[in-house]
Each structure stands twice: as structure tokens, then as C-alpha cells.
């Protein structure tokens, strides 16, 4: 049996070429499933991978630049802030539950563990109203 598969009367594709085409097809299928919008197809796996990385980086950047309403934010939203981990996020929520809504962004400094530096690093992303 011949190691090459006959495509037409004049051209052959090796088994390794079939593997490469299968990988590219699989990546295109995954891209289409991953996005609601039609994703482009790529001629090689590296370009598809680079595209996926760029899409993921864009999502992360958008999340990291989103405004956070400290009167409504969940723990997950609060930990997206610079210098705020799970325990500080929980402290913000507890403070909010005990003392009511923050009137100004500066009041966030009253929460234990939140200092002026943390407040300043995040000021452009913080709000107290929708």
C-alpha cells in the first residue's frame, strides 16, 4: 500500500500533512465554539494560538480596566483591584454591611487593611454609584 494518499491524478498529500491540516481544522473549530462571533481560520497552528492569546489578553485588560462600584461589588469584582485579595475584599463587604454604603471613594480607607496607597492605585477604577 502506498504511504501517500492520492488526491487527484497529479498531487499527493503525505500522512504528516493530513495531521497538520487536522490540527488547523481543530483549532478553527475551537475558535468558532469559543466566540459568539465568527472566528477567522488560520493556515497554521501558531497563528491560531497567537490569535487565542490576543483574545484572552484583551478580555483580561478589559476586566482590569472596568470600574468597580464599591457599594455593589462582589468579592470577585473587588479582587480584580490592585492590592486587594480575598481577605481585603471580604473586609470591604463586611464594612459595607456594618456601616452602610460608602458616600465617597475616600471612605474606603476606613476599611482595615486598605491604606492610602491602595486607594490611590485604584482610584481611577473606583466608584460609589452606578
N, C-alpha and C. Protein backbone atom coordinates (compact mmCIF):
# COMPACT_ATOMS: atom_id res chain seq x y z
N UNK A 1 0.84 -1.19 0.00
CA UNK A 1 0.00 0.00 0.00
C UNK A 1 0.88 1.25 0.00
N UNK A 2 0.50 2.24 -0.72
CA UNK A 2 1.27 3.47 -0.86
C UNK A 2 1.16 4.33 0.40
N UNK A 3 2.29 4.94 0.84
CA UNK A 3 2.30 5.77 2.03
C UNK A 3 1.65 7.14 1.79
N UNK A 4 1.37 7.48 0.58
CA UNK A 4 0.74 8.75 0.24
C UNK A 4 -0.67 8.48 -0.27
N UNK A 5 -1.56 9.41 0.00
CA UNK A 5 -2.93 9.27 -0.45
C UNK A 5 -3.13 10.10 -1.72
N UNK A 6 -3.74 9.52 -2.67
CA UNK A 6 -3.93 10.20 -3.94
C UNK A 6 -5.13 11.15 -3.84
N UNK A 7 -4.93 12.44 -4.13
CA UNK A 7 -5.98 13.44 -4.09
C UNK A 7 -6.56 13.64 -5.49
N UNK A 8 -5.72 13.81 -6.45
CA UNK A 8 -6.15 13.93 -7.84
C UNK A 8 -5.16 13.14 -8.68
N UNK A 9 -5.29 13.22 -9.93
CA UNK A 9 -4.39 12.44 -10.77
C UNK A 9 -2.95 12.92 -10.73
N UNK A 10 -2.70 14.12 -10.15
CA UNK A 10 -1.34 14.66 -10.17
C UNK A 10 -0.77 15.04 -8.82
N UNK A 11 -1.52 15.05 -7.74
CA UNK A 11 -0.98 15.51 -6.46
C UNK A 11 -1.21 14.50 -5.36
N UNK A 12 -0.29 14.47 -4.40
CA UNK A 12 -0.35 13.57 -3.27
C UNK A 12 -0.18 14.36 -1.98
N UNK A 13 -0.78 13.89 -0.89
CA UNK A 13 -0.61 14.51 0.42
C UNK A 13 -0.08 13.45 1.36
N UNK A 14 1.02 13.76 2.02
CA UNK A 14 1.63 12.80 2.95
C UNK A 14 0.81 12.70 4.22
N UNK A 15 0.97 11.62 4.98
CA UNK A 15 0.24 11.48 6.25
C UNK A 15 0.54 12.62 7.23
N UNK A 16 1.77 13.14 7.25
CA UNK A 16 2.09 14.25 8.15
C UNK A 16 1.34 15.52 7.75
N UNK A 17 1.09 15.69 6.46
CA UNK A 17 0.30 16.85 6.01
C UNK A 17 -1.13 16.73 6.46
N UNK A 18 -1.67 15.49 6.44
CA UNK A 18 -3.02 15.27 6.96
C UNK A 18 -3.09 15.66 8.43
N UNK A 19 -2.07 15.31 9.21
CA UNK A 19 -2.03 15.65 10.64
C UNK A 19 -2.02 17.15 10.84
N UNK A 20 -1.20 17.87 10.09
CA UNK A 20 -1.14 19.33 10.21
C UNK A 20 -2.48 19.96 9.84
N UNK A 21 -3.09 19.47 8.75
CA UNK A 21 -4.39 20.02 8.35
C UNK A 21 -5.45 19.71 9.41
N UNK A 22 -5.36 18.56 10.04
CA UNK A 22 -6.32 18.20 11.09
C UNK A 22 -6.18 19.12 12.29
N UNK A 23 -4.95 19.46 12.66
CA UNK A 23 -4.71 20.36 13.80
C UNK A 23 -5.27 21.74 13.50
N UNK A 24 -5.00 22.25 12.31
CA UNK A 24 -5.51 23.57 11.93
C UNK A 24 -7.03 23.55 11.92
N UNK A 25 -7.63 22.50 11.39
CA UNK A 25 -9.09 22.40 11.36
C UNK A 25 -9.66 22.36 12.77
N UNK A 26 -9.01 21.62 13.66
CA UNK A 26 -9.47 21.52 15.04
C UNK A 26 -9.38 22.89 15.73
N UNK A 27 -8.29 23.60 15.53
CA UNK A 27 -8.14 24.92 16.13
C UNK A 27 -9.21 25.88 15.61
N UNK A 28 -9.51 25.82 14.33
CA UNK A 28 -10.56 26.68 13.77
C UNK A 28 -11.91 26.35 14.39
N UNK A 29 -12.19 25.07 14.56
CA UNK A 29 -13.45 24.66 15.18
C UNK A 29 -13.53 25.16 16.61
N UNK A 30 -12.44 25.04 17.36
CA UNK A 30 -12.42 25.53 18.74
C UNK A 30 -12.61 27.04 18.81
N UNK A 31 -12.00 27.76 17.89
CA UNK A 31 -12.16 29.21 17.86
C UNK A 31 -13.62 29.59 17.61
N UNK A 32 -14.26 28.88 16.71
CA UNK A 32 -15.66 29.19 16.41
C UNK A 32 -16.57 28.89 17.59
N UNK A 33 -16.27 27.82 18.33
CA UNK A 33 -17.07 27.49 19.51
C UNK A 33 -16.81 28.46 20.65
N UNK A 34 -15.59 28.97 20.74
CA UNK A 34 -15.19 29.85 21.84
C UNK A 34 -15.80 31.24 21.72
N UNK A 35 -16.06 31.71 20.54
CA UNK A 35 -16.56 33.07 20.34
C UNK A 35 -17.96 33.04 19.74
N UNK A 36 -18.76 34.01 20.13
CA UNK A 36 -20.09 34.13 19.54
C UNK A 36 -19.97 34.67 18.12
N UNK A 37 -18.93 35.41 17.85
CA UNK A 37 -18.69 35.97 16.52
C UNK A 37 -17.91 34.94 15.71
N UNK A 38 -18.04 35.02 14.43
CA UNK A 38 -17.30 34.11 13.56
C UNK A 38 -15.81 34.37 13.70
N UNK A 39 -15.06 33.33 14.00
CA UNK A 39 -13.62 33.46 14.16
C UNK A 39 -12.93 33.15 12.83
N UNK A 40 -11.83 33.82 12.58
CA UNK A 40 -11.13 33.55 11.34
C UNK A 40 -10.47 32.17 11.37
N UNK A 41 -10.24 31.61 10.21
CA UNK A 41 -9.49 30.36 10.11
C UNK A 41 -8.03 30.72 9.83
N UNK A 42 -7.15 29.85 10.23
CA UNK A 42 -5.72 30.12 10.11
C UNK A 42 -5.05 29.03 9.31
N UNK A 43 -3.95 29.41 8.66
CA UNK A 43 -3.24 28.45 7.83
C UNK A 43 -2.22 27.62 8.60
N UNK A 44 -1.97 28.00 9.88
CA UNK A 44 -1.09 27.17 10.69
C UNK A 44 -1.45 27.31 12.18
N UNK A 45 -1.08 26.33 12.97
CA UNK A 45 -1.46 26.33 14.39
C UNK A 45 -0.88 27.50 15.19
N UNK A 46 0.31 27.97 14.85
CA UNK A 46 0.92 29.07 15.60
C UNK A 46 0.11 30.35 15.48
N UNK A 47 -0.40 30.63 14.29
CA UNK A 47 -1.22 31.84 14.11
C UNK A 47 -2.53 31.72 14.89
N UNK A 48 -3.10 30.55 14.92
CA UNK A 48 -4.33 30.33 15.69
C UNK A 48 -4.06 30.52 17.18
N UNK A 49 -2.94 29.98 17.65
CA UNK A 49 -2.55 30.12 19.05
C UNK A 49 -2.32 31.59 19.41
N UNK A 50 -1.62 32.31 18.56
CA UNK A 50 -1.36 33.73 18.79
C UNK A 50 -2.67 34.52 18.86
N UNK A 51 -3.61 34.16 17.99
CA UNK A 51 -4.92 34.81 17.99
C UNK A 51 -5.65 34.57 19.32
N UNK A 52 -5.63 33.33 19.78
CA UNK A 52 -6.28 33.00 21.06
C UNK A 52 -5.65 33.76 22.22
N UNK A 53 -4.34 33.85 22.23
CA UNK A 53 -3.65 34.61 23.28
C UNK A 53 -4.05 36.08 23.25
N UNK A 54 -4.12 36.65 22.08
CA UNK A 54 -4.51 38.06 21.96
C UNK A 54 -5.93 38.28 22.45
N UNK A 55 -6.84 37.36 22.13
CA UNK A 55 -8.22 37.46 22.60
C UNK A 55 -8.29 37.39 24.12
N UNK A 56 -7.56 36.47 24.71
CA UNK A 56 -7.55 36.31 26.16
C UNK A 56 -6.96 37.55 26.84
N UNK A 57 -5.88 38.08 26.28
CA UNK A 57 -5.26 39.29 26.84
C UNK A 57 -6.21 40.48 26.77
N UNK A 58 -6.98 40.58 25.70
CA UNK A 58 -7.95 41.67 25.57
C UNK A 58 -9.04 41.56 26.63
N UNK A 59 -9.49 40.33 26.91
CA UNK A 59 -10.51 40.12 27.96
C UNK A 59 -9.96 40.49 29.33
N UNK A 60 -8.73 40.09 29.61
CA UNK A 60 -8.10 40.40 30.90
C UNK A 60 -7.93 41.90 31.05
N UNK A 61 -7.48 42.58 30.01
CA UNK A 61 -7.28 44.03 30.06
C UNK A 61 -8.61 44.75 30.29
N UNK A 62 -9.66 44.31 29.62
CA UNK A 62 -10.97 44.94 29.80
C UNK A 62 -11.46 44.76 31.23
N UNK A 63 -11.26 43.56 31.78
CA UNK A 63 -11.66 43.30 33.16
C UNK A 63 -10.86 44.16 34.14
N UNK A 64 -9.57 44.31 33.87
CA UNK A 64 -8.70 45.08 34.77
C UNK A 64 -8.91 46.58 34.67
N UNK A 65 -9.62 47.04 33.64
CA UNK A 65 -9.88 48.46 33.49
C UNK A 65 -11.32 48.84 33.83
N UNK A 66 -12.13 47.85 34.12
CA UNK A 66 -13.55 48.10 34.42
C UNK A 66 -13.70 48.86 35.74
N UNK A 67 -14.69 49.75 35.78
CA UNK A 67 -14.99 50.49 37.00
C UNK A 67 -15.68 49.55 37.99
N UNK A 68 -15.31 49.68 39.26
CA UNK A 68 -15.87 48.85 40.32
C UNK A 68 -16.64 49.74 41.29
N UNK A 69 -17.94 49.49 41.41
CA UNK A 69 -18.77 50.20 42.37
C UNK A 69 -18.58 49.51 43.72
N UNK A 70 -17.89 50.18 44.63
CA UNK A 70 -17.57 49.55 45.91
C UNK A 70 -18.79 49.33 46.80
N UNK A 71 -19.92 49.92 46.46
CA UNK A 71 -21.15 49.69 47.22
C UNK A 71 -21.92 48.47 46.73
N UNK A 72 -21.59 47.95 45.57
CA UNK A 72 -22.32 46.83 44.99
C UNK A 72 -21.43 45.64 44.62
N UNK A 73 -20.13 45.85 44.59
CA UNK A 73 -19.20 44.84 44.08
C UNK A 73 -19.19 43.56 44.92
N UNK A 74 -19.08 42.45 44.20
CA UNK A 74 -18.91 41.15 44.85
C UNK A 74 -17.44 40.97 45.22
N UNK A 75 -17.16 39.92 45.96
CA UNK A 75 -15.77 39.63 46.30
C UNK A 75 -14.94 39.43 45.03
N UNK A 76 -15.50 38.74 44.07
CA UNK A 76 -14.78 38.51 42.81
C UNK A 76 -14.44 39.79 42.08
N UNK A 77 -15.34 40.75 42.10
CA UNK A 77 -15.07 42.03 41.44
C UNK A 77 -14.03 42.82 42.23
N UNK A 78 -14.11 42.77 43.54
CA UNK A 78 -13.17 43.52 44.37
C UNK A 78 -11.74 42.99 44.24
N UNK A 79 -11.58 41.68 44.11
CA UNK A 79 -10.21 41.14 44.00
C UNK A 79 -9.57 41.49 42.65
N UNK A 80 -10.33 42.01 41.71
CA UNK A 80 -9.72 42.46 40.46
C UNK A 80 -8.96 43.77 40.65
N UNK A 81 -9.16 44.41 41.80
CA UNK A 81 -8.46 45.65 42.09
C UNK A 81 -7.02 45.37 42.51
N UNK A 82 -6.15 46.32 42.24
CA UNK A 82 -4.74 46.21 42.56
C UNK A 82 -4.53 46.20 44.09
N UNK A 83 -3.91 45.15 44.60
CA UNK A 83 -3.61 45.06 46.03
C UNK A 83 -4.75 44.56 46.89
N UNK A 84 -5.84 44.12 46.27
CA UNK A 84 -6.99 43.61 47.02
C UNK A 84 -7.09 42.11 46.79
N UNK A 85 -6.88 41.37 47.86
CA UNK A 85 -7.05 39.92 47.80
C UNK A 85 -8.38 39.55 48.43
N UNK A 86 -8.56 38.28 48.63
CA UNK A 86 -9.83 37.77 49.15
C UNK A 86 -10.15 38.33 50.54
N UNK A 87 -9.17 38.37 51.43
CA UNK A 87 -9.46 38.83 52.80
C UNK A 87 -9.80 40.33 52.83
N UNK A 88 -9.12 41.14 52.03
CA UNK A 88 -9.45 42.57 51.99
C UNK A 88 -10.80 42.80 51.33
N UNK A 89 -11.10 42.00 50.31
CA UNK A 89 -12.41 42.11 49.65
C UNK A 89 -13.52 41.77 50.65
N UNK A 90 -13.32 40.75 51.45
CA UNK A 90 -14.30 40.38 52.46
C UNK A 90 -14.43 41.47 53.53
N UNK A 91 -13.30 42.11 53.86
CA UNK A 91 -13.34 43.20 54.84
C UNK A 91 -14.13 44.39 54.29
N UNK A 92 -14.01 44.67 53.01
CA UNK A 92 -14.78 45.76 52.38
C UNK A 92 -16.27 45.44 52.45
N UNK A 93 -16.63 44.22 52.12
CA UNK A 93 -18.03 43.81 52.15
C UNK A 93 -18.58 43.86 53.57
N UNK A 94 -17.80 43.40 54.53
CA UNK A 94 -18.23 43.43 55.93
C UNK A 94 -18.41 44.86 56.41
N UNK A 95 -17.49 45.74 56.08
CA UNK A 95 -17.59 47.15 56.46
C UNK A 95 -18.87 47.75 55.87
N UNK A 96 -19.11 47.45 54.62
CA UNK A 96 -20.30 47.95 53.92
C UNK A 96 -21.58 47.46 54.59
N UNK A 97 -21.58 46.20 55.01
CA UNK A 97 -22.76 45.64 55.68
C UNK A 97 -22.97 46.24 57.07
N UNK A 98 -21.88 46.55 57.76
CA UNK A 98 -21.97 47.09 59.12
C UNK A 98 -22.30 48.59 59.14
N UNK A 99 -21.72 49.35 58.23
CA UNK A 99 -21.83 50.80 58.28
C UNK A 99 -22.65 51.42 57.14
N UNK A 100 -23.11 50.61 56.22
CA UNK A 100 -23.88 51.13 55.10
C UNK A 100 -22.98 51.49 53.93
N UNK A 101 -23.61 52.05 52.92
CA UNK A 101 -22.89 52.37 51.70
C UNK A 101 -21.82 53.43 51.91
N UNK A 102 -20.77 53.34 51.11
CA UNK A 102 -19.73 54.36 51.10
C UNK A 102 -20.31 55.60 50.43
N UNK A 103 -20.07 56.75 51.02
CA UNK A 103 -20.54 58.01 50.43
C UNK A 103 -19.54 58.52 49.40
N UNK A 104 -18.25 58.28 49.67
CA UNK A 104 -17.18 58.69 48.75
C UNK A 104 -16.17 57.54 48.62
N UNK A 105 -15.39 57.58 47.58
CA UNK A 105 -14.34 56.58 47.37
C UNK A 105 -13.31 56.66 48.49
N UNK A 106 -13.05 57.87 49.00
CA UNK A 106 -12.06 58.04 50.06
C UNK A 106 -12.41 57.29 51.34
N UNK A 107 -13.70 57.04 51.57
CA UNK A 107 -14.12 56.29 52.76
C UNK A 107 -13.60 54.86 52.76
N UNK A 108 -13.20 54.37 51.62
CA UNK A 108 -12.66 53.01 51.53
C UNK A 108 -11.42 52.86 52.43
N UNK A 109 -10.71 53.95 52.67
CA UNK A 109 -9.53 53.91 53.53
C UNK A 109 -9.87 53.61 54.99
N UNK A 110 -11.14 53.68 55.36
CA UNK A 110 -11.56 53.35 56.72
C UNK A 110 -11.59 51.84 56.95
N UNK A 111 -11.56 51.07 55.88
CA UNK A 111 -11.59 49.61 55.99
C UNK A 111 -10.21 49.13 56.41
N UNK A 112 -10.19 48.25 57.41
CA UNK A 112 -8.92 47.71 57.90
C UNK A 112 -8.16 47.03 56.77
N UNK A 113 -6.91 47.42 56.60
CA UNK A 113 -6.06 46.83 55.57
C UNK A 113 -6.02 47.61 54.27
N UNK A 114 -6.87 48.63 54.15
CA UNK A 114 -6.89 49.45 52.94
C UNK A 114 -6.25 50.79 53.29
N UNK A 115 -5.09 51.04 52.72
CA UNK A 115 -4.40 52.29 53.01
C UNK A 115 -4.49 53.27 51.86
N UNK A 116 -3.86 54.41 52.08
CA UNK A 116 -3.88 55.48 51.07
C UNK A 116 -3.24 55.01 49.76
N UNK A 117 -2.18 54.21 49.83
CA UNK A 117 -1.51 53.74 48.61
C UNK A 117 -2.41 52.84 47.78
N UNK A 118 -3.10 51.92 48.46
CA UNK A 118 -4.02 51.03 47.75
C UNK A 118 -5.15 51.83 47.12
N UNK A 119 -5.65 52.79 47.85
CA UNK A 119 -6.71 53.65 47.35
C UNK A 119 -6.25 54.42 46.10
N UNK A 120 -5.06 54.98 46.15
CA UNK A 120 -4.56 55.76 45.01
C UNK A 120 -4.28 54.89 43.79
N UNK A 121 -3.78 53.66 44.02
CA UNK A 121 -3.51 52.77 42.90
C UNK A 121 -4.78 52.40 42.13
N UNK A 122 -5.91 52.44 42.83
CA UNK A 122 -7.17 52.00 42.25
C UNK A 122 -8.17 53.13 41.99
N UNK A 123 -7.86 54.32 42.38
CA UNK A 123 -8.83 55.44 42.34
C UNK A 123 -9.56 55.57 41.01
N UNK A 124 -8.86 55.46 39.90
CA UNK A 124 -9.50 55.65 38.58
C UNK A 124 -10.54 54.57 38.28
N UNK A 125 -10.46 53.44 38.98
CA UNK A 125 -11.41 52.34 38.74
C UNK A 125 -12.55 52.29 39.74
N UNK A 126 -12.51 53.12 40.78
CA UNK A 126 -13.48 53.05 41.87
C UNK A 126 -14.61 54.03 41.69
N UNK A 127 -15.81 53.59 42.11
CA UNK A 127 -16.96 54.49 42.13
C UNK A 127 -17.85 54.09 43.30
N UNK A 128 -18.76 54.99 43.69
CA UNK A 128 -19.72 54.70 44.76
C UNK A 128 -21.15 54.69 44.23
N UNK A 129 -21.31 54.88 42.96
CA UNK A 129 -22.66 54.83 42.36
C UNK A 129 -22.56 54.20 40.98
N UNK A 130 -23.71 53.73 40.50
CA UNK A 130 -23.76 53.07 39.18
C UNK A 130 -23.69 54.05 38.05
